[in-house]
Amino acid sequence: MANIVTQIADKVRPIGVSTNYGDPVEVGDQTLIPVSLGWFGFGGGGDDENGGGGGGGASIPVGAYVRRPGKDLEFEPNLISLVAVSIPLVWVTGTVLRKLVRVLKK
């Protein structure tokens, strides 16, 4: 078990700025620096009989910094991923507010 903990610690240690900002990419006369919302995860599980289990992780691209010739660095958001992230947030907020209003009416 200690070996697994050491392996996980070695994987998590390098997480930092490079997790959320990608390497600059030249596209024509523009320079793009991708930006993501850094999430990660892992898992495990299983039982003695089947030995099943699994895990995974993800990061969400939120946009990119773009440098065009003769202009300053600008952030251009990825609207699709921002909407995808905001939908659950709006749903949870609405659910909490609805329950709060019900409690306050009593």
PDB file of N, CA and C in Angstrom:
ATOM      1  N   MET A   1       0.813  -1.191   0.000  1.00  0.00           N
ATOM      2  CA  MET A   1       0.000   0.000   0.000  1.00  0.00           C
ATOM      3  C   MET A   1       0.860   1.260   0.000  1.00  0.00           C
ATOM      4  N   ALA A   2       1.961   1.258   0.727  1.00  0.00           N
ATOM      5  CA  ALA A   2       2.834   2.425   0.782  1.00  0.00           C
ATOM      6  C   ALA A   2       3.408   2.742  -0.597  1.00  0.00           C
ATOM      7  N   ASN A   3       3.652   1.725  -1.393  1.00  0.00           N
ATOM      8  CA  ASN A   3       4.177   1.924  -2.739  1.00  0.00           C
ATOM      9  C   ASN A   3       3.163   2.679  -3.603  1.00  0.00           C
ATOM     10  N   ILE A   4       1.878   2.367  -3.467  1.00  0.00           N
ATOM     11  CA  ILE A   4       0.840   3.050  -4.239  1.00  0.00           C
ATOM     12  C   ILE A   4       0.769   4.515  -3.828  1.00  0.00           C
ATOM     13  N   VAL A   5       0.839   4.791  -2.541  1.00  0.00           N
ATOM     14  CA  VAL A   5       0.795   6.166  -2.048  1.00  0.00           C
ATOM     15  C   VAL A   5       1.984   6.958  -2.586  1.00  0.00           C
ATOM     16  N   THR A   6       3.147   6.362  -2.624  1.00  0.00           N
ATOM     17  CA  THR A   6       4.339   7.024  -3.163  1.00  0.00           C
ATOM     18  C   THR A   6       4.172   7.313  -4.651  1.00  0.00           C
ATOM     19  N   GLN A   7       3.615   6.365  -5.392  1.00  0.00           N
ATOM     20  CA  GLN A   7       3.397   6.576  -6.831  1.00  0.00           C
ATOM     21  C   GLN A   7       2.413   7.715  -7.076  1.00  0.00           C
ATOM     22  N   ILE A   8       1.332   7.764  -6.306  1.00  0.00           N
ATOM     23  CA  ILE A   8       0.349   8.843  -6.461  1.00  0.00           C
ATOM     24  C   ILE A   8       0.982  10.193  -6.112  1.00  0.00           C
ATOM     25  N   ALA A   9       1.768  10.236  -5.046  1.00  0.00           N
ATOM     26  CA  ALA A   9       2.433  11.482  -4.653  1.00  0.00           C
ATOM     27  C   ALA A   9       3.385  11.956  -5.743  1.00  0.00           C
ATOM     28  N   ASP A  10       4.088  11.044  -6.400  1.00  0.00           N
ATOM     29  CA  ASP A  10       4.987  11.421  -7.492  1.00  0.00           C
ATOM     30  C   ASP A  10       4.220  11.980  -8.679  1.00  0.00           C
ATOM     31  N   LYS A  11       3.006  11.483  -8.917  1.00  0.00           N
ATOM     32  CA  LYS A  11       2.189  11.984 -10.034  1.00  0.00           C
ATOM     33  C   LYS A  11       1.619  13.360  -9.723  1.00  0.00           C
ATOM     34  N   VAL A  12       1.249  13.613  -8.477  1.00  0.00           N
ATOM     35  CA  VAL A  12       0.596  14.867  -8.104  1.00  0.00           C
ATOM     36  C   VAL A  12       1.601  15.996  -7.904  1.00  0.00           C
ATOM     37  N   ARG A  13       2.810  15.692  -7.498  1.00  0.00           N
ATOM     38  CA  ARG A  13       3.819  16.711  -7.176  1.00  0.00           C
ATOM     39  C   ARG A  13       4.052  17.722  -8.301  1.00  0.00           C
ATOM     40  N   PRO A  14       4.180  17.320  -9.585  1.00  0.00           N
ATOM     41  CA  PRO A  14       4.497  18.319 -10.614  1.00  0.00           C
ATOM     42  C   PRO A  14       3.330  19.209 -11.028  1.00  0.00           C
ATOM     43  N   ILE A  15       2.173  19.059 -10.414  1.00  0.00           N
ATOM     44  CA  ILE A  15       1.019  19.868 -10.799  1.00  0.00           C
ATOM     45  C   ILE A  15       1.283  21.318 -10.417  1.00  0.00           C
ATOM     46  N   GLY A  16       1.056  22.202 -11.349  1.00  0.00           N
ATOM     47  CA  GLY A  16       1.289  23.624 -11.127  1.00  0.00           C
ATOM     48  C   GLY A  16       0.769  24.413 -12.307  1.00  0.00           C
ATOM     49  N   VAL A  17       1.483  25.447 -12.674  1.00  0.00           N
ATOM     50  CA  VAL A  17       1.064  26.327 -13.762  1.00  0.00           C
ATOM     51  C   VAL A  17       0.946  25.563 -15.073  1.00  0.00           C
ATOM     52  N   SER A  18       1.841  24.613 -15.313  1.00  0.00           N
ATOM     53  CA  SER A  18       1.803  23.875 -16.584  1.00  0.00           C
ATOM     54  C   SER A  18       0.552  23.024 -16.702  1.00  0.00           C
ATOM     55  N   THR A  19      -0.155  22.789 -15.603  1.00  0.00           N
ATOM     56  CA  THR A  19      -1.398  22.040 -15.665  1.00  0.00           C
ATOM     57  C   THR A  19      -2.486  22.848 -16.358  1.00  0.00           C
ATOM     58  N   ASN A  20      -2.506  24.146 -16.147  1.00  0.00           N
ATOM     59  CA  ASN A  20      -3.568  24.988 -16.682  1.00  0.00           C
ATOM     60  C   ASN A  20      -3.195  25.773 -17.926  1.00  0.00           C
ATOM     61  N   TYR A  21      -1.929  25.918 -18.197  1.00  0.00           N
ATOM     62  CA  TYR A  21      -1.490  26.667 -19.372  1.00  0.00           C
ATOM     63  C   TYR A  21      -0.647  25.755 -20.251  1.00  0.00           C
ATOM     64  N   GLY A  22      -1.043  25.618 -21.518  1.00  0.00           N
ATOM     65  CA  GLY A  22      -0.298  24.772 -22.433  1.00  0.00           C
ATOM     66  C   GLY A  22       0.887  25.501 -23.040  1.00  0.00           C
ATOM     67  N   ASP A  23       1.668  24.771 -23.812  1.00  0.00           N
ATOM     68  CA  ASP A  23       2.806  25.368 -24.502  1.00  0.00           C
ATOM     69  C   ASP A  23       2.312  26.278 -25.619  1.00  0.00           C
ATOM     70  N   PRO A  24       2.978  27.403 -25.855  1.00  0.00           N
ATOM     71  CA  PRO A  24       2.577  28.292 -26.953  1.00  0.00           C
ATOM     72  C   PRO A  24       2.647  27.578 -28.300  1.00  0.00           C
ATOM     73  N   VAL A  25       1.650  27.845 -29.134  1.00  0.00           N
ATOM     74  CA  VAL A  25       1.558  27.225 -30.452  1.00  0.00           C
ATOM     75  C   VAL A  25       1.484  28.338 -31.493  1.00  0.00           C
ATOM     76  N   GLU A  26       2.321  28.246 -32.510  1.00  0.00           N
ATOM     77  CA  GLU A  26       2.303  29.214 -33.614  1.00  0.00           C
ATOM     78  C   GLU A  26       1.311  28.743 -34.669  1.00  0.00           C
ATOM     79  N   VAL A  27       0.310  29.582 -34.984  1.00  0.00           N
ATOM     80  CA  VAL A  27      -0.660  29.280 -36.037  1.00  0.00           C
ATOM     81  C   VAL A  27      -0.662  30.469 -36.981  1.00  0.00           C
ATOM     82  N   GLY A  28      -0.025  30.301 -38.118  1.00  0.00           N
ATOM     83  CA  GLY A  28       0.122  31.419 -39.047  1.00  0.00           C
ATOM     84  C   GLY A  28       0.956  32.506 -38.404  1.00  0.00           C
ATOM     85  N   ASP A  29       0.387  33.709 -38.299  1.00  0.00           N
ATOM     86  CA  ASP A  29       1.099  34.818 -37.666  1.00  0.00           C
ATOM     87  C   ASP A  29       0.631  35.055 -36.233  1.00  0.00           C
ATOM     88  N   GLN A  30      -0.132  34.114 -35.670  1.00  0.00           N
ATOM     89  CA  GLN A  30      -0.658  34.239 -34.313  1.00  0.00           C
ATOM     90  C   GLN A  30       0.029  33.249 -33.380  1.00  0.00           C
ATOM     91  N   THR A  31       0.095  33.611 -32.113  1.00  0.00           N
ATOM     92  CA  THR A  31       0.592  32.711 -31.076  1.00  0.00           C
ATOM     93  C   THR A  31      -0.557  32.415 -30.131  1.00  0.00           C
ATOM     94  N   LEU A  32      -0.842  31.126 -29.923  1.00  0.00           N
ATOM     95  CA  LEU A  32      -1.921  30.704 -29.036  1.00  0.00           C
ATOM     96  C   LEU A  32      -1.340  30.026 -27.803  1.00  0.00           C
ATOM     97  N   ILE A  33      -1.875  30.374 -26.637  1.00  0.00           N
ATOM     98  CA  ILE A  33      -1.509  29.711 -25.384  1.00  0.00           C
ATOM     99  C   ILE A  33      -2.805  29.148 -24.799  1.00  0.00           C
ATOM    100  N   PRO A  34      -3.018  27.822 -24.904  1.00  0.00           N
ATOM    101  CA  PRO A  34      -4.265  27.250 -24.394  1.00  0.00           C
ATOM    102  C   PRO A  34      -4.358  27.311 -22.873  1.00  0.00           C
ATOM    103  N   VAL A  35      -5.588  27.528 -22.381  1.00  0.00           N
ATOM    104  CA  VAL A  35      -5.845  27.634 -20.948  1.00  0.00           C
ATOM    105  C   VAL A  35      -6.950  26.639 -20.598  1.00  0.00           C
ATOM    106  N   SER A  36      -6.743  25.882 -19.522  1.00  0.00           N
ATOM    107  CA  SER A  36      -7.769  24.939 -19.082  1.00  0.00           C
ATOM    108  C   SER A  36      -8.041  25.116 -17.593  1.00  0.00           C
ATOM    109  N   LEU A  37      -9.202  24.637 -17.191  1.00  0.00           N
ATOM    110  CA  LEU A  37      -9.553  24.594 -15.783  1.00  0.00           C
ATOM    111  C   LEU A  37      -9.062  23.247 -15.280  1.00  0.00           C
ATOM    112  N   GLY A  38      -8.049  23.256 -14.465  1.00  0.00           N
ATOM    113  CA  GLY A  38      -7.384  22.010 -14.085  1.00  0.00           C
ATOM    114  C   GLY A  38      -8.158  21.179 -13.099  1.00  0.00           C
ATOM    115  N   TRP A  39      -8.600  20.043 -13.552  1.00  0.00           N
ATOM    116  CA  TRP A  39      -9.208  19.045 -12.699  1.00  0.00           C
ATOM    117  C   TRP A  39      -8.462  17.763 -12.923  1.00  0.00           C
ATOM    118  N   PHE A  40      -8.379  16.959 -11.932  1.00  0.00           N
ATOM    119  CA  PHE A  40      -7.828  15.627 -12.135  1.00  0.00           C
ATOM    120  C   PHE A  40      -8.486  14.705 -11.126  1.00  0.00           C
ATOM    121  N   GLY A  41      -8.313  13.457 -11.325  1.00  0.00           N
ATOM    122  CA  GLY A  41      -8.907  12.495 -10.411  1.00  0.00           C
ATOM    123  C   GLY A  41      -8.263  11.142 -10.603  1.00  0.00           C
ATOM    124  N   PHE A  42      -8.597  10.250  -9.743  1.00  0.00           N
ATOM    125  CA  PHE A  42      -8.167   8.866  -9.883  1.00  0.00           C
ATOM    126  C   PHE A  42      -9.125   8.031  -9.070  1.00  0.00           C
ATOM    127  N   GLY A  43      -9.044   6.771  -9.179  1.00  0.00           N
ATOM    128  CA  GLY A  43      -9.993   5.918  -8.489  1.00  0.00           C
ATOM    129  C   GLY A  43      -9.408   4.562  -8.183  1.00  0.00           C
ATOM    130  N   GLY A  44     -10.247   3.677  -7.832  1.00  0.00           N
ATOM    131  CA  GLY A  44      -9.832   2.323  -7.488  1.00  0.00           C
ATOM    132  C   GLY A  44     -11.068   1.515  -7.184  1.00  0.00           C
ATOM    133  N   GLY A  45     -10.914   0.461  -6.477  1.00  0.00           N
ATOM    134  CA  GLY A  45     -12.071  -0.322  -6.070  1.00  0.00           C
ATOM    135  C   GLY A  45     -11.902  -1.770  -6.411  1.00  0.00           C
ATOM    136  N   GLY A  46     -13.001  -2.473  -6.368  1.00  0.00           N
ATOM    137  CA  GLY A  46     -12.996  -3.892  -6.653  1.00  0.00           C
ATOM    138  C   GLY A  46     -13.248  -4.695  -5.401  1.00  0.00           C
ATOM    139  N   ASP A  47     -13.398  -5.976  -5.592  1.00  0.00           N
ATOM    140  CA  ASP A  47     -13.574  -6.880  -4.466  1.00  0.00           C
ATOM    141  C   ASP A  47     -12.654  -8.080  -4.646  1.00  0.00           C
ATOM    142  N   ASP A  48     -12.672  -8.965  -3.686  1.00  0.00           N
ATOM    143  CA  ASP A  48     -11.766 -10.115  -3.728  1.00  0.00           C
ATOM    144  C   ASP A  48     -12.087 -11.084  -4.847  1.00  0.00           C
ATOM    145  N   GLU A  49     -13.352 -11.173  -5.252  1.00  0.00           N
ATOM    146  CA  GLU A  49     -13.741 -12.152  -6.258  1.00  0.00           C
ATOM    147  C   GLU A  49     -13.416 -11.701  -7.681  1.00  0.00           C
ATOM    148  N   ASN A  50     -13.842 -10.499  -8.039  1.00  0.00           N
ATOM    149  CA  ASN A  50     -13.698 -10.049  -9.427  1.00  0.00           C
ATOM    150  C   ASN A  50     -12.489  -9.154  -9.650  1.00  0.00           C
ATOM    151  N   GLY A  51     -12.063  -8.453  -8.655  1.00  0.00           N
ATOM    152  CA  GLY A  51     -10.906  -7.585  -8.798  1.00  0.00           C
ATOM    153  C   GLY A  51     -11.141  -6.397  -9.710  1.00  0.00           C
ATOM    154  N   GLY A  52     -12.401  -5.956  -9.886  1.00  0.00           N
ATOM    155  CA  GLY A  52     -12.718  -4.843 -10.768  1.00  0.00           C
ATOM    156  C   GLY A  52     -12.405  -3.507 -10.128  1.00  0.00           C
ATOM    157  N   GLY A  53     -12.453  -2.480 -10.918  1.00  0.00           N
ATOM    158  CA  GLY A  53     -12.214  -1.126 -10.437  1.00  0.00           C
ATOM    159  C   GLY A  53     -11.788  -0.249 -11.586  1.00  0.00           C
ATOM    160  N   GLY A  54     -11.593   1.012 -11.320  1.00  0.00           N
ATOM    161  CA  GLY A  54     -11.161   1.913 -12.383  1.00  0.00           C
ATOM    162  C   GLY A  54     -11.019   3.326 -11.858  1.00  0.00           C
ATOM    163  N   GLY A  55     -10.807   4.227 -12.763  1.00  0.00           N
ATOM    164  CA  GLY A  55     -10.651   5.620 -12.394  1.00  0.00           C
ATOM    165  C   GLY A  55     -10.376   6.459 -13.622  1.00  0.00           C
ATOM    166  N   GLY A  56     -10.178   7.723 -13.412  1.00  0.00           N
ATOM    167  CA  GLY A  56      -9.890   8.608 -14.531  1.00  0.00           C
ATOM    168  C   GLY A  56      -9.813  10.049 -14.077  1.00  0.00           C
ATOM    169  N   GLY A  57      -9.756  10.944 -15.034  1.00  0.00           N
ATOM    170  CA  GLY A  57      -9.668  12.360 -14.745  1.00  0.00           C
ATOM    171  C   GLY A  57      -9.894  13.176 -16.000  1.00  0.00           C
ATOM    172  N   ALA A  58      -9.974  14.492 -15.847  1.00  0.00           N
ATOM    173  CA  ALA A  58     -10.237  15.354 -16.995  1.00  0.00           C
ATOM    174  C   ALA A  58      -9.830  16.785 -16.690  1.00  0.00           C
ATOM    175  N   SER A  59      -9.717  17.584 -17.741  1.00  0.00           N
ATOM    176  CA  SER A  59      -9.564  19.030 -17.615  1.00  0.00           C
ATOM    177  C   SER A  59     -10.438  19.678 -18.679  1.00  0.00           C
ATOM    178  N   ILE A  60     -10.950  20.858 -18.395  1.00  0.00           N
ATOM    179  CA  ILE A  60     -11.872  21.534 -19.294  1.00  0.00           C
ATOM    180  C   ILE A  60     -11.177  22.728 -19.935  1.00  0.00           C
ATOM    181  N   PRO A  61     -11.143  22.771 -21.278  1.00  0.00           N
ATOM    182  CA  PRO A  61     -10.534  23.935 -21.941  1.00  0.00           C
ATOM    183  C   PRO A  61     -11.442  25.153 -21.814  1.00  0.00           C
ATOM    184  N   VAL A  62     -10.943  26.227 -21.208  1.00  0.00           N
ATOM    185  CA  VAL A  62     -11.767  27.417 -21.024  1.00  0.00           C
ATOM    186  C   VAL A  62     -11.447  28.521 -22.024  1.00  0.00           C
ATOM    187  N   GLY A  63     -10.396  28.361 -22.808  1.00  0.00           N
ATOM    188  CA  GLY A  63     -10.065  29.369 -23.803  1.00  0.00           C
ATOM    189  C   GLY A  63      -8.593  29.364 -24.138  1.00  0.00           C
ATOM    190  N   ALA A  64      -8.155  30.481 -24.703  1.00  0.00           N
ATOM    191  CA  ALA A  64      -6.751  30.616 -25.073  1.00  0.00           C
ATOM    192  C   ALA A  64      -6.366  32.089 -25.071  1.00  0.00           C
ATOM    193  N   TYR A  65      -5.111  32.330 -24.728  1.00  0.00           N
ATOM    194  CA  TYR A  65      -4.538  33.660 -24.904  1.00  0.00           C
ATOM    195  C   TYR A  65      -4.009  33.731 -26.329  1.00  0.00           C
ATOM    196  N   VAL A  66      -4.361  34.808 -27.034  1.00  0.00           N
ATOM    197  CA  VAL A  66      -3.988  34.948 -28.441  1.00  0.00           C
ATOM    198  C   VAL A  66      -3.177  36.226 -28.601  1.00  0.00           C
ATOM    199  N   ARG A  67      -2.030  36.109 -29.261  1.00  0.00           N
ATOM    200  CA  ARG A  67      -1.218  37.281 -29.584  1.00  0.00           C
ATOM    201  C   ARG A  67      -1.173  37.403 -31.109  1.00  0.00           C
ATOM    202  N   ARG A  68      -1.723  38.529 -31.582  1.00  0.00           N
ATOM    203  CA  ARG A  68      -1.714  38.816 -33.021  1.00  0.00           C
ATOM    204  C   ARG A  68      -0.665  39.883 -33.283  1.00  0.00           C
ATOM    205  N   PRO A  69      -0.117  39.914 -34.495  1.00  0.00           N
ATOM    206  CA  PRO A  69       0.906  40.920 -34.797  1.00  0.00           C
ATOM    207  C   PRO A  69       0.377  42.337 -34.586  1.00  0.00           C
ATOM    208  N   GLY A  70       1.130  43.129 -33.847  1.00  0.00           N
ATOM    209  CA  GLY A  70       0.769  44.516 -33.607  1.00  0.00           C
ATOM    210  C   GLY A  70      -0.284  44.721 -32.533  1.00  0.00           C
ATOM    211  N   LYS A  71      -0.696  43.666 -31.845  1.00  0.00           N
ATOM    212  CA  LYS A  71      -1.720  43.794 -30.808  1.00  0.00           C
ATOM    213  C   LYS A  71      -1.214  43.189 -29.505  1.00  0.00           C
ATOM    214  N   ASP A  72      -1.880  43.551 -28.407  1.00  0.00           N
ATOM    215  CA  ASP A  72      -1.550  42.983 -27.111  1.00  0.00           C
ATOM    216  C   ASP A  72      -2.113  41.575 -26.987  1.00  0.00           C
ATOM    217  N   LEU A  73      -1.676  40.887 -25.966  1.00  0.00           N
ATOM    218  CA  LEU A  73      -2.173  39.550 -25.663  1.00  0.00           C
ATOM    219  C   LEU A  73      -3.621  39.659 -25.205  1.00  0.00           C
ATOM    220  N   GLU A  74      -4.525  38.860 -25.818  1.00  0.00           N
ATOM    221  CA  GLU A  74      -5.944  38.890 -25.482  1.00  0.00           C
ATOM    222  C   GLU A  74      -6.418  37.490 -25.122  1.00  0.00           C
ATOM    223  N   PHE A  75      -7.349  37.412 -24.173  1.00  0.00           N
ATOM    224  CA  PHE A  75      -7.940  36.127 -23.823  1.00  0.00           C
ATOM    225  C   PHE A  75      -9.221  35.940 -24.618  1.00  0.00           C
ATOM    226  N   GLU A  76      -9.354  34.787 -25.278  1.00  0.00           N
ATOM    227  CA  GLU A  76     -10.566  34.456 -26.013  1.00  0.00           C
ATOM    228  C   GLU A  76     -11.170  33.207 -25.382  1.00  0.00           C
ATOM    229  N   PRO A  77     -12.343  33.349 -24.740  1.00  0.00           N
ATOM    230  CA  PRO A  77     -12.930  32.206 -24.037  1.00  0.00           C
ATOM    231  C   PRO A  77     -13.512  31.171 -24.988  1.00  0.00           C
ATOM    232  N   ASN A  78     -13.552  29.927 -24.532  1.00  0.00           N
ATOM    233  CA  ASN A  78     -14.225  28.844 -25.236  1.00  0.00           C
ATOM    234  C   ASN A  78     -15.646  28.817 -24.692  1.00  0.00           C
ATOM    235  N   LEU A  79     -16.576  29.427 -25.403  1.00  0.00           N
ATOM    236  CA  LEU A  79     -17.927  29.614 -24.888  1.00  0.00           C
ATOM    237  C   LEU A  79     -18.659  28.298 -24.654  1.00  0.00           C
ATOM    238  N   ILE A  80     -18.392  27.297 -25.484  1.00  0.00           N
ATOM    239  CA  ILE A  80     -19.074  26.013 -25.332  1.00  0.00           C
ATOM    240  C   ILE A  80     -18.723  25.368 -23.992  1.00  0.00           C
ATOM    241  N   SER A  81     -17.446  25.358 -23.636  1.00  0.00           N
ATOM    242  CA  SER A  81     -17.066  24.739 -22.361  1.00  0.00           C
ATOM    243  C   SER A  81     -17.537  25.575 -21.178  1.00  0.00           C
ATOM    244  N   LEU A  82     -17.554  26.897 -21.313  1.00  0.00           N
ATOM    245  CA  LEU A  82     -18.050  27.736 -20.221  1.00  0.00           C
ATOM    246  C   LEU A  82     -19.542  27.517 -19.977  1.00  0.00           C
ATOM    247  N   VAL A  83     -20.319  27.330 -21.046  1.00  0.00           N
ATOM    248  CA  VAL A  83     -21.742  27.031 -20.892  1.00  0.00           C
ATOM    249  C   VAL A  83     -21.912  25.649 -20.266  1.00  0.00           C
ATOM    250  N   ALA A  84     -21.111  24.686 -20.718  1.00  0.00           N
ATOM    251  CA  ALA A  84     -21.201  23.326 -20.172  1.00  0.00           C
ATOM    252  C   ALA A  84     -20.875  23.298 -18.686  1.00  0.00           C
ATOM    253  N   VAL A  85     -19.949  24.128 -18.245  1.00  0.00           N
ATOM    254  CA  VAL A  85     -19.595  24.183 -16.828  1.00  0.00           C
ATOM    255  C   VAL A  85     -20.649  24.963 -16.042  1.00  0.00           C
ATOM    256  N   SER A  86     -21.238  25.995 -16.637  1.00  0.00           N
ATOM    257  CA  SER A  86     -22.181  26.833 -15.905  1.00  0.00           C
ATOM    258  C   SER A  86     -23.554  26.189 -15.735  1.00  0.00           C
ATOM    259  N   ILE A  87     -23.951  25.269 -16.611  1.00  0.00           N
ATOM    260  CA  ILE A  87     -25.279  24.647 -16.507  1.00  0.00           C
ATOM    261  C   ILE A  87     -25.461  23.923 -15.171  1.00  0.00           C
ATOM    262  N   PRO A  88     -24.534  23.040 -14.757  1.00  0.00           N
ATOM    263  CA  PRO A  88     -24.722  22.406 -13.441  1.00  0.00           C
ATOM    264  C   PRO A  88     -24.694  23.410 -12.294  1.00  0.00           C
ATOM    265  N   LEU A  89     -23.880  24.430 -12.398  1.00  0.00           N
ATOM    266  CA  LEU A  89     -23.810  25.453 -11.353  1.00  0.00           C
ATOM    267  C   LEU A  89     -25.140  26.185 -11.221  1.00  0.00           C
ATOM    268  N   VAL A  90     -25.740  26.561 -12.329  1.00  0.00           N
ATOM    269  CA  VAL A  90     -27.031  27.247 -12.315  1.00  0.00           C
ATOM    270  C   VAL A  90     -28.110  26.315 -11.761  1.00  0.00           C
ATOM    271  N   TRP A  91     -28.090  25.051 -12.149  1.00  0.00           N
ATOM    272  CA  TRP A  91     -29.081  24.086 -11.671  1.00  0.00           C
ATOM    273  C   TRP A  91     -28.991  23.928 -10.152  1.00  0.00           C
ATOM    274  N   VAL A  92     -27.781  23.742  -9.636  1.00  0.00           N
ATOM    275  CA  VAL A  92     -27.609  23.578  -8.189  1.00  0.00           C
ATOM    276  C   VAL A  92     -28.044  24.840  -7.451  1.00  0.00           C
ATOM    277  N   THR A  93     -27.677  26.000  -7.958  1.00  0.00           N
ATOM    278  CA  THR A  93     -28.066  27.259  -7.328  1.00  0.00           C
ATOM    279  C   THR A  93     -29.585  27.406  -7.297  1.00  0.00           C
ATOM    280  N   GLY A  94     -30.239  27.088  -8.414  1.00  0.00           N
ATOM    281  CA  GLY A  94     -31.701  27.163  -8.465  1.00  0.00           C
ATOM    282  C   GLY A  94     -32.362  26.196  -7.501  1.00  0.00           C
ATOM    283  N   THR A  95     -31.843  24.987  -7.408  1.00  0.00           N
ATOM    284  CA  THR A  95     -32.389  23.987  -6.492  1.00  0.00           C
ATOM    285  C   THR A  95     -32.252  24.444  -5.041  1.00  0.00           C
ATOM    286  N   VAL A  96     -31.089  24.955  -4.693  1.00  0.00           N
ATOM    287  CA  VAL A  96     -30.867  25.437  -3.320  1.00  0.00           C
ATOM    288  C   VAL A  96     -31.783  26.612  -3.016  1.00  0.00           C
ATOM    289  N   LEU A  97     -31.908  27.552  -3.931  1.00  0.00           N
ATOM    290  CA  LEU A  97     -32.782  28.711  -3.703  1.00  0.00           C
ATOM    291  C   LEU A  97     -34.236  28.289  -3.558  1.00  0.00           C
ATOM    292  N   ARG A  98     -34.688  27.333  -4.373  1.00  0.00           N
ATOM    293  CA  ARG A  98     -36.062  26.854  -4.289  1.00  0.00           C
ATOM    294  C   ARG A  98     -36.336  26.233  -2.916  1.00  0.00           C
ATOM    295  N   LYS A  99     -35.405  25.402  -2.452  1.00  0.00           N
ATOM    296  CA  LYS A  99     -35.585  24.778  -1.134  1.00  0.00           C
ATOM    297  C   LYS A  99     -35.513  25.809  -0.007  1.00  0.00           C
ATOM    298  N   LEU A 100     -34.644  26.797  -0.165  1.00  0.00           N
ATOM    299  CA  LEU A 100     -34.527  27.849   0.837  1.00  0.00           C
ATOM    300  C   LEU A 100     -35.809  28.661   0.928  1.00  0.00           C
ATOM    301  N   VAL A 101     -36.406  28.980  -0.200  1.00  0.00           N
ATOM    302  CA  VAL A 101     -37.674  29.725  -0.206  1.00  0.00           C
ATOM    303  C   VAL A 101     -38.776  28.904   0.460  1.00  0.00           C
ATOM    304  N   ARG A 102     -38.828  27.602   0.177  1.00  0.00           N
ATOM    305  CA  ARG A 102     -39.826  26.737   0.814  1.00  0.00           C
ATOM    306  C   ARG A 102     -39.669  26.712   2.335  1.00  0.00           C
ATOM    307  N   VAL A 103     -38.430  26.633   2.798  1.00  0.00           N
ATOM    308  CA  VAL A 103     -38.171  26.601   4.233  1.00  0.00           C
ATOM    309  C   VAL A 103     -38.557  27.938   4.866  1.00  0.00           C
ATOM    310  N   LEU A 104     -38.241  29.048   4.216  1.00  0.00           N
ATOM    311  CA  LEU A 104     -38.547  30.367   4.774  1.00  0.00           C
ATOM    312  C   LEU A 104     -40.042  30.662   4.787  1.00  0.00           C
ATOM    313  N   LYS A 105     -40.815  30.049   3.875  1.00  0.00           N
ATOM    314  CA  LYS A 105     -42.266  30.264   3.832  1.00  0.00           C
ATOM    315  C   LYS A 105     -42.962  29.596   5.011  1.00  0.00           C
ATOM    316  N   LYS A 106     -42.378  28.545   5.574  1.00  0.00           N
ATOM    317  CA  LYS A 106     -43.022  27.793   6.681  1.00  0.00           C
ATOM    318  C   LYS A 106     -43.009  28.552   7.957  1.00  0.00           C
TER     319      LYS A 106
END
